[in-house]
Amino acid sequence: MKLLQRLLALVGALTLVSLLAGGTVMYFAGEWMQVHDEPVQADYILPLAGDANRWIYAADLYKQGFAPVILVSKPAPAPPSALSPIHKAMGYPQYDLMEYARRLYGVLDVPEAALQMFGDGHLSTVEEAEALRDFLGPGKHRLLVVTSPYHARRAKLVLSLVLPDAEIRMTVTPYEYFDPQWWTDYYTAPKVVLEAAKCAYYLLGGVFRSSD
């Protein structure tokens, strides 16, 4: 009986320590996820796939003269939605991603000649980095990467590992809302929790792949 009590006490103590450690990690997660390097002259501006706010800031950087080319990646399409045929019936424009990118950058005064497309249906940041590596080929490339605040840390880690010879400068778009006290904000909290799960999955060796 005493042995059982001691085991239960040990399990309880370990559980409490784990909860405290996990809570501390998550408290600082929002701050840890952010990486913002000051923009410098680069060979390419790379807005990572996932949010058009990244494209808008990439256009700002292009017009400020930080790089002559914006790279646009082609991720896997989202699963079909029941809204798609309804939007079509309502007259919504039916652009594929590449046409949407051309039109959006055209409105932002970025010439089509400044855009270079790469990739073909990648699903994750790792696959996007691998597609970029294949597109750029060998050499020391300087990349000015644009992403969301919560995505920057993992993205820089992935890109640095997949393209070890490249110089990675990570910038975050100012057009995407992010509350540093993420646990108090309805919009930021789910992004941080999801990104924390993705970080843990990646650090444990997991990768989402379009071929899975």
N, C-alpha and C. Protein backbone atom coordinates (compact mmCIF):
# COMPACT_ATOMS: atom_id res chain seq x y z
N MET A 1 0.82 -1.21 0.00
CA MET A 1 0.00 0.00 0.00
C MET A 1 0.86 1.27 0.00
N LYS A 2 1.92 1.27 0.85
CA LYS A 2 2.80 2.43 0.90
C LYS A 2 3.51 2.65 -0.44
N LEU A 3 3.89 1.51 -1.08
CA LEU A 3 4.54 1.62 -2.38
C LEU A 3 3.61 2.27 -3.40
N LEU A 4 2.33 1.86 -3.38
CA LEU A 4 1.34 2.44 -4.29
C LEU A 4 1.17 3.93 -4.03
N GLN A 5 1.12 4.31 -2.74
CA GLN A 5 0.98 5.72 -2.40
C GLN A 5 2.16 6.54 -2.90
N ARG A 6 3.35 5.96 -2.76
CA ARG A 6 4.55 6.67 -3.23
C ARG A 6 4.54 6.82 -4.76
N LEU A 7 4.11 5.75 -5.43
CA LEU A 7 4.02 5.83 -6.90
C LEU A 7 3.02 6.88 -7.34
N LEU A 8 1.86 6.91 -6.67
CA LEU A 8 0.84 7.91 -7.00
C LEU A 8 1.35 9.32 -6.72
N ALA A 9 2.09 9.48 -5.61
CA ALA A 9 2.64 10.79 -5.28
C ALA A 9 3.67 11.22 -6.33
N LEU A 10 4.48 10.25 -6.78
CA LEU A 10 5.49 10.56 -7.81
C LEU A 10 4.82 10.95 -9.12
N VAL A 11 3.80 10.19 -9.50
CA VAL A 11 3.07 10.51 -10.73
C VAL A 11 2.44 11.90 -10.63
N GLY A 12 1.85 12.19 -9.48
CA GLY A 12 1.25 13.51 -9.28
C GLY A 12 2.28 14.62 -9.37
N ALA A 13 3.44 14.41 -8.75
CA ALA A 13 4.50 15.43 -8.78
C ALA A 13 5.01 15.64 -10.20
N LEU A 14 5.22 14.55 -10.93
CA LEU A 14 5.69 14.66 -12.32
C LEU A 14 4.65 15.35 -13.20
N THR A 15 3.39 15.04 -12.95
CA THR A 15 2.32 15.69 -13.71
C THR A 15 2.30 17.19 -13.45
N LEU A 16 2.45 17.58 -12.19
CA LEU A 16 2.46 18.99 -11.84
C LEU A 16 3.63 19.71 -12.47
N VAL A 17 4.82 19.10 -12.39
CA VAL A 17 6.01 19.70 -13.00
C VAL A 17 5.83 19.84 -14.51
N SER A 18 5.27 18.82 -15.14
CA SER A 18 5.04 18.86 -16.59
C SER A 18 4.07 19.97 -16.97
N LEU A 19 3.01 20.13 -16.18
CA LEU A 19 2.04 21.18 -16.44
C LEU A 19 2.67 22.56 -16.29
N LEU A 20 3.48 22.73 -15.24
CA LEU A 20 4.15 24.02 -15.02
C LEU A 20 5.14 24.32 -16.14
N ALA A 21 5.90 23.30 -16.53
CA ALA A 21 6.87 23.49 -17.62
C ALA A 21 6.17 23.80 -18.93
N GLY A 22 5.11 23.03 -19.22
CA GLY A 22 4.36 23.26 -20.45
C GLY A 22 3.71 24.63 -20.47
N GLY A 23 3.15 25.04 -19.32
CA GLY A 23 2.53 26.36 -19.24
C GLY A 23 3.54 27.47 -19.45
N THR A 24 4.74 27.31 -18.89
CA THR A 24 5.80 28.33 -19.06
C THR A 24 6.22 28.42 -20.52
N VAL A 25 6.40 27.27 -21.15
CA VAL A 25 6.79 27.25 -22.57
C VAL A 25 5.73 27.94 -23.42
N MET A 26 4.47 27.62 -23.20
CA MET A 26 3.41 28.22 -24.00
C MET A 26 3.25 29.70 -23.73
N TYR A 27 3.54 30.13 -22.49
CA TYR A 27 3.44 31.55 -22.16
C TYR A 27 4.38 32.37 -23.04
N PHE A 28 5.58 31.84 -23.26
CA PHE A 28 6.57 32.56 -24.06
C PHE A 28 6.57 32.14 -25.53
N ALA A 29 5.66 31.26 -25.91
CA ALA A 29 5.66 30.72 -27.28
C ALA A 29 5.48 31.80 -28.33
N GLY A 30 4.55 32.72 -28.09
CA GLY A 30 4.29 33.76 -29.07
C GLY A 30 5.51 34.60 -29.35
N GLU A 31 6.25 34.94 -28.30
CA GLU A 31 7.47 35.73 -28.47
C GLU A 31 8.56 34.91 -29.16
N TRP A 32 8.70 33.64 -28.78
CA TRP A 32 9.73 32.79 -29.36
C TRP A 32 9.51 32.56 -30.84
N MET A 33 8.26 32.47 -31.26
CA MET A 33 7.95 32.17 -32.65
C MET A 33 8.33 33.29 -33.60
N GLN A 34 8.48 34.49 -33.10
CA GLN A 34 8.74 35.64 -33.96
C GLN A 34 10.23 35.82 -34.20
N VAL A 35 10.59 36.02 -35.46
CA VAL A 35 11.94 36.38 -35.86
C VAL A 35 11.81 37.49 -36.88
N HIS A 36 12.49 38.60 -36.66
CA HIS A 36 12.41 39.68 -37.63
C HIS A 36 13.80 40.27 -37.83
N ASP A 37 14.41 39.93 -38.96
CA ASP A 37 15.69 40.50 -39.35
C ASP A 37 15.42 41.77 -40.16
N GLU A 38 16.21 42.78 -39.95
CA GLU A 38 16.05 44.01 -40.74
C GLU A 38 16.29 43.69 -42.22
N PRO A 39 15.43 44.16 -43.11
CA PRO A 39 15.61 43.89 -44.54
C PRO A 39 16.95 44.44 -45.06
N VAL A 40 17.58 43.66 -45.93
CA VAL A 40 18.83 44.08 -46.59
C VAL A 40 18.71 43.74 -48.08
N GLN A 41 19.63 44.23 -48.86
CA GLN A 41 19.66 43.90 -50.29
C GLN A 41 19.77 42.40 -50.45
N ALA A 42 18.97 41.83 -51.35
CA ALA A 42 18.94 40.39 -51.54
C ALA A 42 18.81 40.07 -53.02
N ASP A 43 19.00 38.78 -53.32
CA ASP A 43 18.79 38.31 -54.70
C ASP A 43 17.31 38.11 -54.99
N TYR A 44 16.59 37.66 -53.97
CA TYR A 44 15.17 37.35 -54.15
C TYR A 44 14.38 37.74 -52.90
N ILE A 45 13.13 38.13 -53.13
CA ILE A 45 12.16 38.26 -52.05
C ILE A 45 11.25 37.04 -52.13
N LEU A 46 11.09 36.35 -51.01
CA LEU A 46 10.29 35.12 -50.99
C LEU A 46 9.16 35.23 -49.97
N PRO A 47 7.95 35.56 -50.42
CA PRO A 47 6.80 35.47 -49.51
C PRO A 47 6.34 34.01 -49.46
N LEU A 48 6.43 33.40 -48.29
CA LEU A 48 6.06 32.00 -48.17
C LEU A 48 4.56 31.82 -48.39
N ALA A 49 4.19 30.67 -48.91
CA ALA A 49 2.79 30.39 -49.20
C ALA A 49 1.99 30.34 -47.90
N GLY A 50 0.71 30.72 -48.00
CA GLY A 50 -0.15 30.57 -46.84
C GLY A 50 -1.05 31.75 -46.55
N ASP A 51 -0.60 32.97 -46.86
CA ASP A 51 -1.41 34.14 -46.53
C ASP A 51 -1.05 35.27 -47.49
N ALA A 52 -2.03 35.88 -48.12
CA ALA A 52 -1.78 36.94 -49.10
C ALA A 52 -1.18 38.19 -48.47
N ASN A 53 -1.31 38.36 -47.15
CA ASN A 53 -0.66 39.50 -46.50
C ASN A 53 0.86 39.46 -46.68
N ARG A 54 1.40 38.27 -46.83
CA ARG A 54 2.84 38.13 -47.08
C ARG A 54 3.18 38.68 -48.46
N TRP A 55 2.30 38.46 -49.43
CA TRP A 55 2.52 38.98 -50.77
C TRP A 55 2.50 40.51 -50.78
N ILE A 56 1.61 41.08 -49.99
CA ILE A 56 1.51 42.55 -49.97
C ILE A 56 2.79 43.17 -49.44
N TYR A 57 3.34 42.61 -48.37
CA TYR A 57 4.59 43.15 -47.82
C TYR A 57 5.76 42.87 -48.77
N ALA A 58 5.73 41.74 -49.47
CA ALA A 58 6.76 41.45 -50.46
C ALA A 58 6.76 42.53 -51.55
N ALA A 59 5.57 42.98 -51.94
CA ALA A 59 5.49 44.06 -52.93
C ALA A 59 6.09 45.35 -52.38
N ASP A 60 5.85 45.65 -51.11
CA ASP A 60 6.46 46.83 -50.49
C ASP A 60 7.98 46.75 -50.57
N LEU A 61 8.53 45.61 -50.21
CA LEU A 61 9.98 45.43 -50.20
C LEU A 61 10.55 45.54 -51.62
N TYR A 62 9.82 44.99 -52.58
CA TYR A 62 10.26 45.08 -53.98
C TYR A 62 10.32 46.55 -54.42
N LYS A 63 9.27 47.30 -54.12
CA LYS A 63 9.21 48.70 -54.56
C LYS A 63 10.23 49.58 -53.82
N GLN A 64 10.68 49.11 -52.64
CA GLN A 64 11.75 49.81 -51.93
C GLN A 64 13.13 49.42 -52.45
N GLY A 65 13.18 48.51 -53.41
CA GLY A 65 14.44 48.18 -54.06
C GLY A 65 15.29 47.15 -53.36
N PHE A 66 14.70 46.32 -52.49
CA PHE A 66 15.51 45.35 -51.75
C PHE A 66 15.92 44.15 -52.60
N ALA A 67 15.19 43.85 -53.67
CA ALA A 67 15.54 42.75 -54.56
C ALA A 67 14.82 42.94 -55.89
N PRO A 68 15.39 42.41 -56.98
CA PRO A 68 14.77 42.60 -58.29
C PRO A 68 13.71 41.56 -58.63
N VAL A 69 13.59 40.51 -57.82
CA VAL A 69 12.69 39.41 -58.16
C VAL A 69 11.89 38.99 -56.93
N ILE A 70 10.60 38.73 -57.13
CA ILE A 70 9.75 38.12 -56.11
C ILE A 70 9.46 36.69 -56.54
N LEU A 71 9.77 35.75 -55.66
CA LEU A 71 9.49 34.34 -55.93
C LEU A 71 8.09 33.99 -55.42
N VAL A 72 7.31 33.34 -56.26
CA VAL A 72 5.96 32.94 -55.89
C VAL A 72 5.87 31.42 -55.99
N SER A 73 5.57 30.77 -54.88
CA SER A 73 5.51 29.31 -54.89
C SER A 73 4.10 28.83 -55.17
N LYS A 74 4.02 27.61 -55.65
CA LYS A 74 2.74 27.02 -56.02
C LYS A 74 2.43 25.86 -55.08
N PRO A 75 1.69 26.11 -54.00
CA PRO A 75 1.37 25.03 -53.05
C PRO A 75 0.24 24.14 -53.55
N ALA A 76 0.02 23.08 -52.83
CA ALA A 76 -1.12 22.21 -53.16
C ALA A 76 -2.42 22.97 -52.95
N PRO A 77 -3.41 22.78 -53.82
CA PRO A 77 -4.69 23.47 -53.63
C PRO A 77 -5.41 22.99 -52.39
N ALA A 78 -6.21 23.86 -51.83
CA ALA A 78 -7.02 23.48 -50.67
C ALA A 78 -8.07 22.46 -51.09
N PRO A 79 -8.54 21.65 -50.16
CA PRO A 79 -9.60 20.68 -50.49
C PRO A 79 -10.82 21.39 -51.06
N PRO A 80 -11.57 20.73 -51.94
CA PRO A 80 -12.76 21.36 -52.52
C PRO A 80 -13.73 21.82 -51.44
N SER A 81 -14.35 22.95 -51.69
CA SER A 81 -15.32 23.51 -50.75
C SER A 81 -16.70 23.53 -51.39
N ALA A 82 -17.71 23.34 -50.56
CA ALA A 82 -19.08 23.41 -51.06
C ALA A 82 -19.43 24.81 -51.53
N LEU A 83 -18.65 25.81 -51.08
CA LEU A 83 -18.90 27.18 -51.50
C LEU A 83 -18.42 27.47 -52.92
N SER A 84 -17.49 26.66 -53.43
CA SER A 84 -16.89 26.95 -54.74
C SER A 84 -17.92 27.07 -55.85
N PRO A 85 -18.82 26.10 -56.05
CA PRO A 85 -19.82 26.26 -57.11
C PRO A 85 -20.80 27.39 -56.83
N ILE A 86 -21.04 27.68 -55.54
CA ILE A 86 -21.93 28.80 -55.20
C ILE A 86 -21.28 30.12 -55.58
N HIS A 87 -20.00 30.27 -55.25
CA HIS A 87 -19.27 31.49 -55.64
C HIS A 87 -19.26 31.65 -57.16
N LYS A 88 -19.07 30.53 -57.87
CA LYS A 88 -19.07 30.60 -59.33
C LYS A 88 -20.43 31.07 -59.85
N ALA A 89 -21.52 30.54 -59.27
CA ALA A 89 -22.86 30.94 -59.68
C ALA A 89 -23.13 32.40 -59.35
N MET A 90 -22.47 32.92 -58.30
CA MET A 90 -22.65 34.32 -57.91
C MET A 90 -21.79 35.27 -58.75
N GLY A 91 -20.94 34.69 -59.58
CA GLY A 91 -20.11 35.53 -60.45
C GLY A 91 -18.76 35.90 -59.89
N TYR A 92 -18.34 35.24 -58.81
CA TYR A 92 -17.01 35.50 -58.26
C TYR A 92 -15.95 35.11 -59.30
N PRO A 93 -14.87 35.85 -59.41
CA PRO A 93 -13.79 35.45 -60.33
C PRO A 93 -13.22 34.09 -59.95
N GLN A 94 -12.99 33.24 -60.96
CA GLN A 94 -12.48 31.89 -60.71
C GLN A 94 -11.02 31.82 -61.16
N TYR A 95 -10.13 32.40 -60.35
CA TYR A 95 -8.71 32.40 -60.68
C TYR A 95 -8.01 31.21 -60.03
N ASP A 96 -7.06 30.62 -60.76
CA ASP A 96 -6.17 29.70 -60.05
C ASP A 96 -5.13 30.56 -59.32
N LEU A 97 -4.33 29.92 -58.50
CA LEU A 97 -3.42 30.65 -57.61
C LEU A 97 -2.45 31.52 -58.39
N MET A 98 -1.91 31.01 -59.48
CA MET A 98 -0.91 31.76 -60.23
C MET A 98 -1.53 32.99 -60.90
N GLU A 99 -2.72 32.84 -61.44
CA GLU A 99 -3.39 33.98 -62.05
C GLU A 99 -3.75 35.01 -60.98
N TYR A 100 -4.17 34.51 -59.82
CA TYR A 100 -4.48 35.41 -58.70
C TYR A 100 -3.24 36.21 -58.29
N ALA A 101 -2.09 35.53 -58.25
CA ALA A 101 -0.84 36.21 -57.88
C ALA A 101 -0.50 37.29 -58.90
N ARG A 102 -0.61 36.97 -60.17
CA ARG A 102 -0.30 37.96 -61.21
C ARG A 102 -1.21 39.18 -61.09
N ARG A 103 -2.48 38.94 -60.87
CA ARG A 103 -3.42 40.05 -60.80
C ARG A 103 -3.21 40.87 -59.53
N LEU A 104 -2.97 40.20 -58.39
CA LEU A 104 -2.75 40.92 -57.15
C LEU A 104 -1.49 41.78 -57.23
N TYR A 105 -0.41 41.20 -57.74
CA TYR A 105 0.82 41.99 -57.85
C TYR A 105 0.68 43.10 -58.88
N GLY A 106 -0.15 42.87 -59.90
CA GLY A 106 -0.41 43.94 -60.86
C GLY A 106 -1.08 45.14 -60.19
N VAL A 107 -2.05 44.88 -59.33
CA VAL A 107 -2.71 45.95 -58.58
C VAL A 107 -1.72 46.65 -57.66
N LEU A 108 -0.73 45.90 -57.15
CA LEU A 108 0.28 46.46 -56.25
C LEU A 108 1.46 47.07 -57.01
N ASP A 109 1.32 47.23 -58.33
CA ASP A 109 2.34 47.88 -59.17
C ASP A 109 3.66 47.12 -59.21
N VAL A 110 3.57 45.80 -59.17
CA VAL A 110 4.75 44.96 -59.38
C VAL A 110 4.62 44.34 -60.76
N PRO A 111 5.56 44.59 -61.67
CA PRO A 111 5.43 44.05 -63.03
C PRO A 111 5.54 42.54 -63.06
N GLU A 112 4.85 41.93 -63.99
CA GLU A 112 4.88 40.47 -64.09
C GLU A 112 6.29 39.96 -64.35
N ALA A 113 7.12 40.77 -65.02
CA ALA A 113 8.50 40.36 -65.30
C ALA A 113 9.32 40.18 -64.03
N ALA A 114 8.87 40.77 -62.93
CA ALA A 114 9.60 40.65 -61.65
C ALA A 114 9.20 39.41 -60.88
N LEU A 115 8.22 38.63 -61.39
CA LEU A 115 7.74 37.44 -60.68
C LEU A 115 8.36 36.19 -61.28
N GLN A 116 8.80 35.29 -60.42
CA GLN A 116 9.25 33.97 -60.86
C GLN A 116 8.52 32.91 -60.04
N MET A 117 7.91 31.96 -60.72
CA MET A 117 7.12 30.92 -60.07
C MET A 117 7.97 29.67 -59.86
N PHE A 118 7.73 28.96 -58.77
CA PHE A 118 8.43 27.71 -58.54
C PHE A 118 7.52 26.76 -57.76
N GLY A 119 7.88 25.48 -57.79
CA GLY A 119 7.12 24.48 -57.05
C GLY A 119 5.94 23.94 -57.84
N ASP A 120 5.38 22.87 -57.34
CA ASP A 120 4.24 22.26 -58.02
C ASP A 120 3.45 21.40 -57.03
N GLY A 121 2.69 22.06 -56.18
CA GLY A 121 1.80 21.33 -55.29
C GLY A 121 2.40 20.91 -53.98
N HIS A 122 3.36 21.71 -53.45
CA HIS A 122 3.91 21.36 -52.14
C HIS A 122 2.89 21.67 -51.04
N LEU A 123 3.00 20.91 -49.95
CA LEU A 123 2.00 20.99 -48.89
C LEU A 123 2.50 21.70 -47.64
N SER A 124 3.79 21.57 -47.33
CA SER A 124 4.33 22.07 -46.08
C SER A 124 5.49 23.01 -46.32
N THR A 125 5.95 23.65 -45.25
CA THR A 125 7.10 24.54 -45.36
C THR A 125 8.34 23.77 -45.79
N VAL A 126 8.48 22.53 -45.32
CA VAL A 126 9.63 21.71 -45.72
C VAL A 126 9.59 21.44 -47.22
N GLU A 127 8.44 21.06 -47.74
CA GLU A 127 8.33 20.81 -49.18
C GLU A 127 8.55 22.09 -49.97
N GLU A 128 8.08 23.21 -49.46
CA GLU A 128 8.30 24.48 -50.13
C GLU A 128 9.80 24.81 -50.19
N ALA A 129 10.51 24.57 -49.09
CA ALA A 129 11.95 24.81 -49.06
C ALA A 129 12.68 23.88 -50.02
N GLU A 130 12.26 22.62 -50.08
CA GLU A 130 12.88 21.67 -51.01
C GLU A 130 12.64 22.07 -52.46
N ALA A 131 11.43 22.54 -52.76
CA ALA A 131 11.12 23.00 -54.12
C ALA A 131 11.96 24.22 -54.46
N LEU A 132 12.17 25.10 -53.49
CA LEU A 132 13.00 26.28 -53.72
C LEU A 132 14.44 25.88 -53.98
N ARG A 133 14.95 24.94 -53.21
CA ARG A 133 16.32 24.45 -53.40
C ARG A 133 16.50 23.90 -54.82
N ASP A 134 15.53 23.12 -55.28
CA ASP A 134 15.61 22.56 -56.64
C ASP A 134 15.53 23.66 -57.69
N PHE A 135 14.74 24.69 -57.42
CA PHE A 135 14.56 25.77 -58.38
C PHE A 135 15.82 26.64 -58.48
N LEU A 136 16.41 26.97 -57.34
CA LEU A 136 17.56 27.87 -57.33
C LEU A 136 18.84 27.19 -57.78
N GLY A 137 18.97 25.90 -57.47
CA GLY A 137 20.19 25.20 -57.80
C GLY A 137 21.30 25.57 -56.84
N PRO A 138 22.52 25.05 -57.08
CA PRO A 138 23.63 25.31 -56.17
C PRO A 138 24.07 26.77 -56.21
N GLY A 139 24.72 27.19 -55.13
CA GLY A 139 25.21 28.57 -55.06
C GLY A 139 24.78 29.24 -53.78
N LYS A 140 25.40 30.37 -53.52
CA LYS A 140 25.09 31.15 -52.31
C LYS A 140 24.07 32.23 -52.68
N HIS A 141 22.85 32.00 -52.30
CA HIS A 141 21.77 32.93 -52.61
C HIS A 141 21.38 33.70 -51.35
N ARG A 142 21.08 34.98 -51.53
CA ARG A 142 20.59 35.77 -50.41
C ARG A 142 19.08 35.93 -50.57
N LEU A 143 18.33 35.46 -49.58
CA LEU A 143 16.88 35.45 -49.63
C LEU A 143 16.30 36.35 -48.56
N LEU A 144 15.41 37.22 -48.96
CA LEU A 144 14.64 38.05 -48.03
C LEU A 144 13.26 37.41 -47.93
N VAL A 145 13.05 36.67 -46.85
CA VAL A 145 11.85 35.83 -46.71
C VAL A 145 10.78 36.57 -45.91
N VAL A 146 9.56 36.53 -46.41
CA VAL A 146 8.43 37.18 -45.75
C VAL A 146 7.44 36.12 -45.29
N THR A 147 7.06 36.19 -44.04
CA THR A 147 6.06 35.25 -43.54
C THR A 147 5.25 35.89 -42.42
N SER A 148 4.41 35.11 -41.77
CA SER A 148 3.57 35.59 -40.67
C SER A 148 4.36 35.58 -39.36
N PRO A 149 3.98 36.42 -38.39
CA PRO A 149 4.73 36.48 -37.13
C PRO A 149 4.87 35.13 -36.42
N TYR A 150 3.79 34.36 -36.37
CA TYR A 150 3.81 33.09 -35.65
C TYR A 150 4.58 32.00 -36.40
N HIS A 151 4.85 32.19 -37.69
CA HIS A 151 5.47 31.17 -38.53
C HIS A 151 6.97 31.37 -38.70
N ALA A 152 7.50 32.52 -38.29
CA ALA A 152 8.86 32.91 -38.67
C ALA A 152 9.93 31.99 -38.11
N ARG A 153 9.83 31.61 -36.84
CA ARG A 153 10.88 30.80 -36.23
C ARG A 153 11.04 29.44 -36.93
N ARG A 154 9.92 28.76 -37.11
CA ARG A 154 9.98 27.43 -37.75
C ARG A 154 10.42 27.56 -39.19
N ALA A 155 9.93 28.59 -39.89
CA ALA A 155 10.29 28.77 -41.29
C ALA A 155 11.80 29.00 -41.45
N LYS A 156 12.38 29.82 -40.58
CA LYS A 156 13.82 30.08 -40.69
C LYS A 156 14.62 28.82 -40.38
N LEU A 157 14.17 28.05 -39.40
CA LEU A 157 14.84 26.80 -39.07
C LEU A 157 14.81 25.84 -40.27
N VAL A 158 13.64 25.69 -40.88
CA VAL A 158 13.51 24.79 -42.01
C VAL A 158 14.36 25.24 -43.18
N LEU A 159 14.26 26.52 -43.54
CA LEU A 159 15.01 27.03 -44.70
C LEU A 159 16.51 26.93 -44.48
N SER A 160 16.96 27.20 -43.26
CA SER A 160 18.39 27.13 -42.97
C SER A 160 18.93 25.71 -43.09
N LEU A 161 18.10 24.73 -42.74
CA LEU A 161 18.53 23.33 -42.84
C LEU A 161 18.48 22.82 -44.28
N VAL A 162 17.45 23.20 -45.02
CA VAL A 162 17.29 22.71 -46.39
C VAL A 162 18.22 23.44 -47.36
N LEU A 163 18.48 24.74 -47.10
CA LEU A 163 19.38 25.53 -47.95
C LEU A 163 20.53 26.07 -47.10
N PRO A 164 21.45 25.21 -46.69
CA PRO A 164 22.50 25.62 -45.76
C PRO A 164 23.46 26.67 -46.32
N ASP A 165 23.58 26.76 -47.65
CA ASP A 165 24.50 27.72 -48.25
C ASP A 165 23.85 29.09 -48.48
N ALA A 166 22.54 29.18 -48.31
CA ALA A 166 21.84 30.45 -48.56
C ALA A 166 21.89 31.34 -47.33
N GLU A 167 21.86 32.64 -47.57
CA GLU A 167 21.72 33.60 -46.47
C GLU A 167 20.24 33.93 -46.32
N ILE A 168 19.69 33.59 -45.19
CA ILE A 168 18.25 33.75 -44.95
C ILE A 168 18.02 34.97 -44.07
N ARG A 169 17.31 35.95 -44.59
CA ARG A 169 16.87 37.10 -43.80
C ARG A 169 15.36 36.99 -43.66
N MET A 170 14.88 36.84 -42.44
CA MET A 170 13.47 36.59 -42.19
C MET A 170 12.78 37.88 -41.75
N THR A 171 11.74 38.26 -42.46
CA THR A 171 10.95 39.43 -42.07
C THR A 171 9.49 39.01 -41.93
N VAL A 172 8.77 39.67 -41.06
CA VAL A 172 7.36 39.34 -40.87
C VAL A 172 6.49 40.46 -41.43
N THR A 173 5.38 40.08 -42.02
CA THR A 173 4.48 41.07 -42.59
C THR A 173 3.80 41.89 -41.50
N PRO A 174 3.77 43.21 -41.65
CA PRO A 174 3.07 44.04 -40.67
C PRO A 174 1.57 44.07 -40.91
N TYR A 175 1.12 43.42 -41.97
CA TYR A 175 -0.30 43.47 -42.33
C TYR A 175 -1.12 42.35 -41.71
N GLU A 176 -0.46 41.49 -40.94
CA GLU A 176 -1.18 40.39 -40.30
C GLU A 176 -1.22 40.63 -38.79
N TYR A 177 -2.40 40.65 -38.24
CA TYR A 177 -2.59 40.96 -36.82
C TYR A 177 -2.01 39.86 -35.95
N PHE A 178 -1.28 40.25 -34.91
CA PHE A 178 -0.71 39.29 -33.96
C PHE A 178 -0.59 39.97 -32.61
N ASP A 179 -1.29 39.43 -31.61
CA ASP A 179 -1.27 39.99 -30.26
C ASP A 179 -0.20 39.27 -29.45
N PRO A 180 0.82 39.99 -28.91
CA PRO A 180 1.85 39.35 -28.10
C PRO A 180 1.27 38.58 -26.91
N GLN A 181 0.19 39.06 -26.34
CA GLN A 181 -0.51 38.31 -25.29
C GLN A 181 -1.52 37.39 -25.96
N TRP A 182 -1.00 36.42 -26.69
CA TRP A 182 -1.80 35.63 -27.61
C TRP A 182 -2.93 34.88 -26.92
N TRP A 183 -2.72 34.48 -25.67
CA TRP A 183 -3.73 33.67 -24.96
C TRP A 183 -4.98 34.48 -24.62
N THR A 184 -4.92 35.81 -24.77
CA THR A 184 -6.06 36.66 -24.48
C THR A 184 -6.82 37.05 -25.75
N ASP A 185 -6.30 36.66 -26.90
CA ASP A 185 -6.86 37.16 -28.16
C ASP A 185 -7.51 36.03 -28.96
N TYR A 186 -8.73 36.25 -29.37
CA TYR A 186 -9.52 35.23 -30.07
C TYR A 186 -8.88 34.83 -31.40
N TYR A 187 -8.25 35.78 -32.10
CA TYR A 187 -7.70 35.52 -33.43
C TYR A 187 -6.28 34.96 -33.38
N THR A 188 -5.49 35.40 -32.42
CA THR A 188 -4.09 34.97 -32.34
C THR A 188 -3.94 33.61 -31.69
N ALA A 189 -4.76 33.33 -30.67
CA ALA A 189 -4.59 32.11 -29.87
C ALA A 189 -4.60 30.83 -30.71
N PRO A 190 -5.56 30.61 -31.60
CA PRO A 190 -5.54 29.34 -32.35
C PRO A 190 -4.33 29.21 -33.27
N LYS A 191 -3.82 30.34 -33.78
CA LYS A 191 -2.64 30.29 -34.65
C LYS A 191 -1.41 29.85 -33.86
N VAL A 192 -1.25 30.38 -32.64
CA VAL A 192 -0.10 30.03 -31.82
C VAL A 192 -0.18 28.56 -31.39
N VAL A 193 -1.36 28.12 -30.99
CA VAL A 193 -1.52 26.72 -30.56
C VAL A 193 -1.22 25.77 -31.72
N LEU A 194 -1.75 26.07 -32.91
CA LEU A 194 -1.50 25.22 -34.07
C LEU A 194 -0.03 25.24 -34.45
N GLU A 195 0.59 26.41 -34.42
CA GLU A 195 2.01 26.51 -34.78
C GLU A 195 2.87 25.77 -33.76
N ALA A 196 2.51 25.82 -32.48
CA ALA A 196 3.24 25.08 -31.46
C ALA A 196 3.20 23.58 -31.75
N ALA A 197 2.04 23.09 -32.15
CA ALA A 197 1.91 21.67 -32.50
C ALA A 197 2.76 21.34 -33.72
N LYS A 198 2.77 22.22 -34.72
CA LYS A 198 3.57 21.99 -35.92
C LYS A 198 5.06 22.00 -35.59
N CYS A 199 5.48 22.93 -34.72
CA CYS A 199 6.88 22.98 -34.30
C CYS A 199 7.29 21.70 -33.61
N ALA A 200 6.46 21.24 -32.68
CA ALA A 200 6.77 20.01 -31.95
C ALA A 200 6.84 18.83 -32.91
N TYR A 201 5.91 18.76 -33.82
CA TYR A 201 5.88 17.66 -34.80
C TYR A 201 7.14 17.67 -35.65
N TYR A 202 7.55 18.87 -36.10
CA TYR A 202 8.75 18.98 -36.94
C TYR A 202 10.01 18.63 -36.15
N LEU A 203 10.13 19.13 -34.93
CA LEU A 203 11.32 18.85 -34.12
C LEU A 203 11.43 17.38 -33.74
N LEU A 204 10.31 16.68 -33.75
CA LEU A 204 10.32 15.24 -33.48
C LEU A 204 10.55 14.42 -34.75
N GLY A 205 10.78 15.11 -35.86
CA GLY A 205 11.09 14.41 -37.11
C GLY A 205 9.94 14.27 -38.08
N GLY A 206 8.79 14.84 -37.78
CA GLY A 206 7.64 14.71 -38.64
C GLY A 206 7.60 15.77 -39.73
N VAL A 207 7.12 15.40 -40.89
CA VAL A 207 6.96 16.32 -42.02
C VAL A 207 5.66 15.99 -42.75
N PHE A 208 4.83 16.99 -42.99
CA PHE A 208 3.64 16.80 -43.81
C PHE A 208 4.06 16.83 -45.27
N ARG A 209 3.69 15.80 -46.02
CA ARG A 209 4.07 15.75 -47.43
C ARG A 209 2.84 15.52 -48.31
N SER A 210 2.87 16.11 -49.49
CA SER A 210 1.74 16.02 -50.40
C SER A 210 1.54 14.60 -50.92
N SER A 211 2.59 13.77 -50.81
CA SER A 211 2.49 12.38 -51.28
C SER A 211 1.92 11.44 -50.24
N ASP A 212 1.72 11.94 -49.00
CA ASP A 212 1.20 11.08 -47.93
C ASP A 212 -0.25 10.68 -48.20
